[in-house]
C-alpha atoms as a PDB file:
ATOM      1  CA  MET A   1      19.605  -0.142  13.003  1.00  0.00           C
ATOM      2  CA  ALA A   2      18.532   3.593  13.324  1.00  0.00           C
ATOM      3  CA  ARG A   3      21.584   5.812  13.128  1.00  0.00           C
ATOM      4  CA  SER A   4      22.263   8.217  16.207  1.00  0.00           C
ATOM      5  CA  GLY A   5      20.571  11.629  15.731  1.00  0.00           C
ATOM      6  CA  VAL A   6      17.698  10.222  13.356  1.00  0.00           C
ATOM      7  CA  ASN A   7      14.130  10.077  14.711  1.00  0.00           C
ATOM      8  CA  PRO A   8      13.377   6.524  13.952  1.00  0.00           C
ATOM      9  CA  PRO A   9      10.054   5.738  12.146  1.00  0.00           C
ATOM     10  CA  VAL A  10       6.946   5.358  14.320  1.00  0.00           C
ATOM     11  CA  ILE A  11       5.100   1.930  14.047  1.00  0.00           C
ATOM     12  CA  LEU A  12       1.713   1.670  15.490  1.00  0.00           C
ATOM     13  CA  ILE A  13       0.439  -2.049  15.937  1.00  0.00           C
ATOM     14  CA  ILE A  14      -2.954  -2.369  16.511  1.00  0.00           C
ATOM     15  CA  ASP A  15      -3.860  -6.119  17.575  1.00  0.00           C
ATOM     16  CA  ASP A  16      -5.807  -7.329  20.393  1.00  0.00           C
ATOM     17  CA  ASP A  17      -3.323 -10.211  20.979  1.00  0.00           C
ATOM     18  CA  LEU A  18      -1.069  -8.800  23.706  1.00  0.00           C
ATOM     19  CA  THR A  19       1.473 -11.434  23.316  1.00  0.00           C
ATOM     20  CA  LEU A  20       1.931 -10.586  19.800  1.00  0.00           C
ATOM     21  CA  THR A  21       2.103  -7.013  19.993  1.00  0.00           C
ATOM     22  CA  THR A  22       4.649  -7.122  22.930  1.00  0.00           C
ATOM     23  CA  LEU A  23       6.991  -9.533  21.192  1.00  0.00           C
ATOM     24  CA  LEU A  24       6.541  -7.453  17.753  1.00  0.00           C
ATOM     25  CA  SER A  25       7.257  -4.485  19.446  1.00  0.00           C
ATOM     26  CA  GLU A  26      10.500  -5.643  20.779  1.00  0.00           C
ATOM     27  CA  HIS A  27      11.602  -7.110  17.564  1.00  0.00           C
ATOM     28  CA  LEU A  28      10.824  -3.663  16.101  1.00  0.00           C
ATOM     29  CA  ALA A  29      12.843  -1.777  18.395  1.00  0.00           C
ATOM     30  CA  ALA A  30      15.669  -3.911  17.743  1.00  0.00           C
ATOM     31  CA  ALA A  31      15.223  -3.425  14.211  1.00  0.00           C
ATOM     32  CA  GLY A  32      15.630   0.542  14.702  1.00  0.00           C
ATOM     33  CA  TYR A  33      11.911   1.365  14.841  1.00  0.00           C
ATOM     34  CA  GLN A  34       9.882   3.306  17.398  1.00  0.00           C
ATOM     35  CA  PRO A  35       6.981   0.770  17.973  1.00  0.00           C
ATOM     36  CA  LEU A  36       3.643   1.837  20.019  1.00  0.00           C
ATOM     37  CA  SER A  37       1.101  -0.502  20.374  1.00  0.00           C
ATOM     38  CA  ALA A  38      -2.975  -0.789  21.095  1.00  0.00           C
ATOM     39  CA  ASN A  39      -5.135  -3.666  21.756  1.00  0.00           C
ATOM     40  CA  ASP A  40      -8.281  -2.496  20.334  1.00  0.00           C
ATOM     41  CA  GLY A  41      -9.589  -0.276  17.596  1.00  0.00           C
ATOM     42  CA  GLU A  42     -10.747   2.761  19.465  1.00  0.00           C
ATOM     43  CA  ARG A  43      -7.398   2.923  21.399  1.00  0.00           C
ATOM     44  CA  GLY A  44      -5.489   2.608  18.045  1.00  0.00           C
ATOM     45  CA  LEU A  45      -7.570   5.521  16.346  1.00  0.00           C
ATOM     46  CA  SER A  46      -6.921   7.467  19.523  1.00  0.00           C
ATOM     47  CA  MET A  47      -3.017   6.745  19.252  1.00  0.00           C
ATOM     48  CA  ALA A  48      -2.767   7.280  15.576  1.00  0.00           C
ATOM     49  CA  ALA A  49      -4.256  10.846  16.221  1.00  0.00           C
ATOM     50  CA  ASP A  50      -2.075  11.723  19.012  1.00  0.00           C
ATOM     51  CA  HIS A  51       1.368  10.118  17.424  1.00  0.00           C
ATOM     52  CA  GLU A  52       0.853  10.303  13.542  1.00  0.00           C
ATOM     53  CA  PRO A  53       2.907   7.081  13.173  1.00  0.00           C
ATOM     54  CA  THR A  54       4.924   6.447  10.031  1.00  0.00           C
ATOM     55  CA  LEU A  55       3.095   3.104   9.319  1.00  0.00           C
ATOM     56  CA  VAL A  56       0.320   1.278  10.949  1.00  0.00           C
ATOM     57  CA  VAL A  57       0.354  -2.525  11.178  1.00  0.00           C
ATOM     58  CA  LEU A  58      -3.417  -3.274  11.571  1.00  0.00           C
ATOM     59  CA  ASP A  59      -5.009  -6.696  12.484  1.00  0.00           C
ATOM     60  CA  VAL A  60      -8.551  -7.475  11.055  1.00  0.00           C
ATOM     61  CA  MET A  61     -10.020  -9.839  13.623  1.00  0.00           C
ATOM     62  CA  MET A  62     -10.595  -7.634  16.738  1.00  0.00           C
ATOM     63  CA  PRO A  63     -13.472  -7.191  18.975  1.00  0.00           C
ATOM     64  CA  LYS A  64     -16.224  -4.274  19.162  1.00  0.00           C
ATOM     65  CA  MET A  65     -14.365  -2.532  16.062  1.00  0.00           C
ATOM     66  CA  ASP A  66     -12.471  -4.940  13.683  1.00  0.00           C
ATOM     67  CA  GLY A  67      -9.814  -3.859  11.216  1.00  0.00           C
ATOM     68  CA  TRP A  68     -11.836  -3.080   8.395  1.00  0.00           C
ATOM     69  CA  LYS A  69     -13.585  -0.144  10.272  1.00  0.00           C
ATOM     70  CA  VAL A  70     -10.442   0.997  11.536  1.00  0.00           C
ATOM     71  CA  CYS A  71      -8.815   1.093   8.381  1.00  0.00           C
ATOM     72  CA  GLU A  72     -11.833   3.248   7.073  1.00  0.00           C
ATOM     73  CA  ARG A  73     -11.314   5.456  10.028  1.00  0.00           C
ATOM     74  CA  LEU A  74      -7.542   5.901   9.505  1.00  0.00           C
ATOM     75  CA  ARG A  75      -7.838   6.732   5.815  1.00  0.00           C
ATOM     76  CA  GLU A  76     -10.343   9.515   6.647  1.00  0.00           C
ATOM     77  CA  SER A  77      -7.545  11.354   8.302  1.00  0.00           C
ATOM     78  CA  SER A  78      -4.088   9.702   7.609  1.00  0.00           C
ATOM     79  CA  ALA A  79      -2.202   8.698   4.703  1.00  0.00           C
ATOM     80  CA  ALA A  80       0.156   6.751   6.710  1.00  0.00           C
ATOM     81  CA  PRO A  81       0.913   3.247   4.804  1.00  0.00           C
ATOM     82  CA  ILE A  82      -1.267   0.292   6.439  1.00  0.00           C
ATOM     83  CA  ILE A  83      -0.115  -3.217   6.530  1.00  0.00           C
ATOM     84  CA  MET A  84      -3.150  -5.551   7.411  1.00  0.00           C
ATOM     85  CA  LEU A  85      -2.537  -8.881   9.558  1.00  0.00           C
ATOM     86  CA  THR A  86      -5.122 -11.434   9.183  1.00  0.00           C
ATOM     87  CA  ALA A  87      -5.826 -15.156   9.600  1.00  0.00           C
ATOM     88  CA  LYS A  88      -7.548 -15.277   6.420  1.00  0.00           C
ATOM     89  CA  SER A  89      -6.064 -15.616   2.981  1.00  0.00           C
ATOM     90  CA  GLU A  90      -9.354 -15.622   0.767  1.00  0.00           C
ATOM     91  CA  GLU A  91      -9.011 -13.326  -2.372  1.00  0.00           C
ATOM     92  CA  PHE A  92     -12.515 -11.477  -1.232  1.00  0.00           C
ATOM     93  CA  ASP A  93     -10.334 -10.304   1.841  1.00  0.00           C
ATOM     94  CA  LYS A  94      -7.441  -9.019  -0.164  1.00  0.00           C
ATOM     95  CA  LEU A  95      -9.441  -7.325  -2.574  1.00  0.00           C
ATOM     96  CA  ARG A  96     -11.462  -5.579   0.201  1.00  0.00           C
ATOM     97  CA  GLY A  97      -8.251  -4.346   1.769  1.00  0.00           C
ATOM     98  CA  PHE A  98      -6.674  -3.024  -1.302  1.00  0.00           C
ATOM     99  CA  HIS A  99     -10.034  -1.102  -2.071  1.00  0.00           C
ATOM    100  CA  LEU A 100      -9.892   0.501   1.236  1.00  0.00           C
ATOM    101  CA  GLY A 101      -6.191   1.624   0.557  1.00  0.00           C
ATOM    102  CA  ILE A 102      -3.962  -0.412   2.316  1.00  0.00           C
ATOM    103  CA  ASP A 103      -0.545  -1.129   1.368  1.00  0.00           C
ATOM    104  CA  ASP A 104       0.074  -4.726   2.028  1.00  0.00           C
ATOM    105  CA  TYR A 105      -1.315  -7.712   3.331  1.00  0.00           C
ATOM    106  CA  VAL A 106       0.098 -10.107   5.602  1.00  0.00           C
ATOM    107  CA  THR A 107      -1.504 -13.899   6.505  1.00  0.00           C
ATOM    108  CA  LYS A 108      -1.118 -14.941   9.932  1.00  0.00           C
ATOM    109  CA  PRO A 109       1.080 -16.998  10.922  1.00  0.00           C
ATOM    110  CA  PHE A 110       4.110 -14.968   9.663  1.00  0.00           C
ATOM    111  CA  SER A 111       7.487 -14.531  10.988  1.00  0.00           C
ATOM    112  CA  PHE A 112       8.821 -11.336  12.680  1.00  0.00           C
ATOM    113  CA  ALA A 113      11.572 -11.197  10.156  1.00  0.00           C
ATOM    114  CA  GLU A 114       9.266 -11.112   7.203  1.00  0.00           C
ATOM    115  CA  LEU A 115       6.944  -8.254   8.563  1.00  0.00           C
ATOM    116  CA  THR A 116       9.897  -6.167   9.352  1.00  0.00           C
ATOM    117  CA  ALA A 117      10.994  -6.632   5.611  1.00  0.00           C
ATOM    118  CA  ARG A 118       7.549  -5.803   4.337  1.00  0.00           C
ATOM    119  CA  ILE A 119       7.726  -2.493   6.632  1.00  0.00           C
ATOM    120  CA  GLY A 120      11.115  -1.417   5.257  1.00  0.00           C
ATOM    121  CA  ALA A 121       9.799  -2.028   1.620  1.00  0.00           C
ATOM    122  CA  VAL A 122       6.472  -0.099   2.066  1.00  0.00           C
ATOM    123  CA  LEU A 123       8.452   2.751   4.051  1.00  0.00           C
ATOM    124  CA  ALA A 124      10.897   2.869   1.062  1.00  0.00           C
ATOM    125  CA  ARG A 125       8.367   3.163  -1.577  1.00  0.00           C
ATOM    126  CA  ALA A 126       6.434   5.742   0.616  1.00  0.00           C
ATOM    127  CA  ASN A 127       9.701   7.765   0.674  1.00  0.00           C
ATOM    128  CA  ARG A 128      10.558   7.674  -3.015  1.00  0.00           C
ATOM    129  CA  GLY A 129      10.262  11.385  -4.766  1.00  0.00           C
ATOM    130  CA  ASP A 130      11.865  10.798  -8.027  1.00  0.00           C
ATOM    131  CA  SER A 131       9.145  11.558 -10.427  1.00  0.00           C
ATOM    132  CA  PRO A 132       9.915  13.872 -13.357  1.00  0.00           C
ATOM    133  CA  THR A 133       8.084  16.905 -14.101  1.00  0.00           C
ATOM    134  CA  ARG A 134       6.341  15.781 -17.364  1.00  0.00           C
ATOM    135  CA  ILE A 135       2.688  15.136 -18.725  1.00  0.00           C
ATOM    136  CA  VAL A 136       1.459  11.753 -20.024  1.00  0.00           C
ATOM    137  CA  ALA A 137      -2.164  11.735 -21.528  1.00  0.00           C
ATOM    138  CA  SER A 138      -4.386   8.959 -23.099  1.00  0.00           C
ATOM    139  CA  GLU A 139      -7.419  10.364 -24.495  1.00  0.00           C
ATOM    140  CA  ASN A 140      -9.202  12.171 -21.580  1.00  0.00           C
ATOM    141  CA  LEU A 141      -6.919  10.868 -19.065  1.00  0.00           C
ATOM    142  CA  THR A 142      -3.985  12.754 -17.943  1.00  0.00           C
ATOM    143  CA  ILE A 143      -0.992  11.815 -15.688  1.00  0.00           C
ATOM    144  CA  ASP A 144       0.758  15.112 -14.242  1.00  0.00           C
ATOM    145  CA  LEU A 145       4.196  13.151 -12.844  1.00  0.00           C
ATOM    146  CA  GLY A 146       5.774  16.097 -11.549  1.00  0.00           C
ATOM    147  CA  ALA A 147       2.619  17.273  -9.238  1.00  0.00           C
ATOM    148  CA  GLN A 148       1.753  13.529  -9.153  1.00  0.00           C
ATOM    149  CA  ARG A 149      -1.889  14.494 -10.118  1.00  0.00           C
ATOM    150  CA  VAL A 150      -4.188  12.265 -12.385  1.00  0.00           C
ATOM    151  CA  THR A 151      -7.409  13.972 -13.997  1.00  0.00           C
ATOM    152  CA  ILE A 152     -10.190  12.593 -16.335  1.00  0.00           C
ATOM    153  CA  ASP A 153     -11.801  15.507 -18.269  1.00  0.00           C
ATOM    154  CA  ARG A 154      -9.879  17.650 -16.030  1.00  0.00           C
ATOM    155  CA  ASN A 155     -11.508  16.158 -12.747  1.00  0.00           C
ATOM    156  CA  ALA A 156      -9.119  14.927 -10.238  1.00  0.00           C
ATOM    157  CA  ILE A 157      -8.981  11.270  -9.468  1.00  0.00           C
ATOM    158  CA  ASP A 158      -8.278  10.131  -6.017  1.00  0.00           C
ATOM    159  CA  LEU A 159      -5.780   7.308  -6.057  1.00  0.00           C
ATOM    160  CA  THR A 160      -4.074   5.454  -3.259  1.00  0.00           C
ATOM    161  CA  PRO A 161      -0.164   5.686  -2.924  1.00  0.00           C
ATOM    162  CA  ILE A 162       0.051   2.100  -4.400  1.00  0.00           C
ATOM    163  CA  GLU A 163      -2.240   2.826  -7.118  1.00  0.00           C
ATOM    164  CA  TYR A 164      -0.370   6.034  -8.351  1.00  0.00           C
ATOM    165  CA  ARG A 165       3.083   4.336  -8.209  1.00  0.00           C
ATOM    166  CA  LEU A 166       1.763   1.641 -10.284  1.00  0.00           C
ATOM    167  CA  LEU A 167       0.176   4.026 -12.870  1.00  0.00           C
ATOM    168  CA  GLU A 168       3.382   5.977 -12.740  1.00  0.00           C
ATOM    169  CA  ALA A 169       5.323   2.754 -13.510  1.00  0.00           C
ATOM    170  CA  LEU A 170       3.152   2.217 -16.691  1.00  0.00           C
ATOM    171  CA  ALA A 171       2.887   5.808 -17.711  1.00  0.00           C
ATOM    172  CA  LYS A 172       6.843   6.325 -17.547  1.00  0.00           C
ATOM    173  CA  ASN A 173       7.457   3.160 -19.747  1.00  0.00           C
ATOM    174  CA  ALA A 174       4.556   3.803 -22.166  1.00  0.00           C
ATOM    175  CA  PRO A 175       3.845   2.343 -24.811  1.00  0.00           C
ATOM    176  CA  ARG A 176       6.436  -0.392 -23.686  1.00  0.00           C
ATOM    177  CA  THR A 177       4.745  -3.446 -21.990  1.00  0.00           C
ATOM    178  CA  VAL A 178       6.281  -3.626 -18.441  1.00  0.00           C
ATOM    179  CA  PRO A 179       6.603  -7.286 -17.109  1.00  0.00           C
ATOM    180  CA  THR A 180       4.690  -8.235 -14.115  1.00  0.00           C
ATOM    181  CA  GLU A 181       7.892  -9.065 -12.439  1.00  0.00           C
ATOM    182  CA  ARG A 182       9.298  -5.871 -13.111  1.00  0.00           C
ATOM    183  CA  LEU A 183       5.983  -3.845 -11.644  1.00  0.00           C
ATOM    184  CA  LEU A 184       6.779  -5.789  -8.545  1.00  0.00           C
ATOM    185  CA  GLU A 185      10.230  -4.575  -8.239  1.00  0.00           C
ATOM    186  CA  ILE A 186       9.293  -1.060  -8.952  1.00  0.00           C
ATOM    187  CA  VAL A 187       6.337  -0.652  -7.006  1.00  0.00           C
ATOM    188  CA  TRP A 188       6.709  -3.081  -4.299  1.00  0.00           C
ATOM    189  CA  GLY A 189      10.180  -4.003  -3.879  1.00  0.00           C
ATOM    190  CA  ALA A 190      12.494  -7.100  -3.780  1.00  0.00           C
ATOM    191  CA  ALA A 191      10.626  -8.438  -0.558  1.00  0.00           C
ATOM    192  CA  TYR A 192       7.700  -9.107  -3.082  1.00  0.00           C
ATOM    193  CA  ALA A 193       9.120 -11.186  -5.738  1.00  0.00           C
ATOM    194  CA  GLY A 194       6.738 -13.748  -6.909  1.00  0.00           C
ATOM    195  CA  GLU A 195       3.461 -12.124  -5.428  1.00  0.00           C
ATOM    196  CA  MET A 196       2.049 -11.577  -8.810  1.00  0.00           C
ATOM    197  CA  GLU A 197      -1.572 -11.215  -7.309  1.00  0.00           C
ATOM    198  CA  HIS A 198      -0.505  -7.954  -5.885  1.00  0.00           C
ATOM    199  CA  VAL A 199      -0.053  -6.402  -9.414  1.00  0.00           C
ATOM    200  CA  LYS A 200      -3.299  -8.029 -10.587  1.00  0.00           C
ATOM    201  CA  HIS A 201      -5.190  -6.691  -7.856  1.00  0.00           C
ATOM    202  CA  TYR A 202      -4.058  -2.979  -7.991  1.00  0.00           C
ATOM    203  CA  ILE A 203      -4.503  -3.105 -11.960  1.00  0.00           C
ATOM    204  CA  TRP A 204      -8.110  -4.044 -11.545  1.00  0.00           C
ATOM    205  CA  ALA A 205      -8.380  -1.224  -8.911  1.00  0.00           C
ATOM    206  CA  LEU A 206      -6.804   1.239 -11.154  1.00  0.00           C
ATOM    207  CA  ARG A 207      -9.214   0.145 -14.148  1.00  0.00           C
ATOM    208  CA  LYS A 208     -12.199   0.578 -11.996  1.00  0.00           C
ATOM    209  CA  LYS A 209     -11.260   4.434 -11.299  1.00  0.00           C
ATOM    210  CA  LEU A 210      -9.939   5.197 -14.718  1.00  0.00           C
ATOM    211  CA  GLU A 211     -11.658   3.290 -17.629  1.00  0.00           C
ATOM    212  CA  ALA A 212     -15.118   3.891 -18.724  1.00  0.00           C
ATOM    213  CA  ASP A 213     -15.495   0.236 -18.868  1.00  0.00           C
ATOM    214  CA  PRO A 214     -13.074  -1.704 -16.695  1.00  0.00           C
ATOM    215  CA  GLY A 215     -13.832  -5.129 -18.361  1.00  0.00           C
ATOM    216  CA  ASN A 216     -12.637  -3.529 -21.804  1.00  0.00           C
ATOM    217  CA  PRO A 217      -9.950  -1.143 -20.915  1.00  0.00           C
ATOM    218  CA  LYS A 218      -8.604   1.449 -23.198  1.00  0.00           C
ATOM    219  CA  HIS A 219      -5.860   2.949 -21.053  1.00  0.00           C
ATOM    220  CA  ILE A 220      -4.387   0.003 -18.964  1.00  0.00           C
ATOM    221  CA  LEU A 221      -4.014  -2.999 -21.448  1.00  0.00           C
ATOM    222  CA  THR A 222      -2.883  -6.609 -20.474  1.00  0.00           C
ATOM    223  CA  GLU A 223      -0.190  -8.426 -22.305  1.00  0.00           C
ATOM    224  CA  ARG A 224      -1.192 -12.089 -21.239  1.00  0.00           C
ATOM    225  CA  GLY A 225       1.509 -13.937 -19.896  1.00  0.00           C
ATOM    226  CA  PHE A 226       3.828 -10.938 -19.838  1.00  0.00           C
ATOM    227  CA  GLY A 227       2.689  -7.761 -18.119  1.00  0.00           C
ATOM    228  CA  TYR A 228       0.828  -4.761 -18.686  1.00  0.00           C
ATOM    229  CA  ARG A 229       1.242  -1.609 -20.732  1.00  0.00           C
ATOM    230  CA  PHE A 230      -0.292   2.105 -20.667  1.00  0.00           C
ATOM    231  CA  GLU A 231      -1.748   2.896 -23.990  1.00  0.00           C
END
C-alpha cells in the first residue's frame, strides 16, 4: 500500500473494455496506485499528455486507433513504461511490441494479481539508478555506464530502457557469460522467472541496433544452453 505523504504512481489504463478498466482500477487503487482509465486510443493519448502517467497499461485490440498506433504516438513524447494487453500470443505480436519499445507484454486472460506484480516489477526497474561511472568498449561500440549513453563510432544509439538495462547487465559482467535466468532476475525481476523469451527477444533487438551483422554478432555473443556475454 502507498504510504501516507507519498504520491502514489499514476497508472493509465487504455482499454475499450469498460468492465475491465473499472475492476482493474479498483484493484490497483487497493494496491496503492492512482489509476486513470480511457476507453479509446485518442482519449488515452489526451490523458497521457495531461497527467504524465508513471506507467501505461495499453490494450492492443481497440476500435478506431489500435494499441500499436497508440504505442507509437506515446513513444513520440513519453518515456513512461508501457505494458501491452492482448488476446494474441503469437511471437510476431510480441516482437512487434518489443520493437516499439514496450516494457512488458501480458496475454489475456490474466489475473489482476499477476498484472499488479508485473507493474511493480516494471516500476522497480525504471526507478533503478545504480550504474557506476565507467566506460566499457568493444571495437567501435562504447558504453558509458555513468551517463547511460551508448555510441557507435561516436554516434549515439537510441535504446529503449529495457534494451539499455540488458546491455548494461552484460557489460558490467564482461567478459563473463551471464546465465539467461540471471539476466531475467537483473533486468526484469523475480516476477518473470522462467520467461526466457523476454531475453531472447531483447538480445535480438540489441543486435539489430549494435551489430553490423546481427546474424553474426561480434559484441553480444550466445553461449548456447547457458546465457549471453559481452565480448
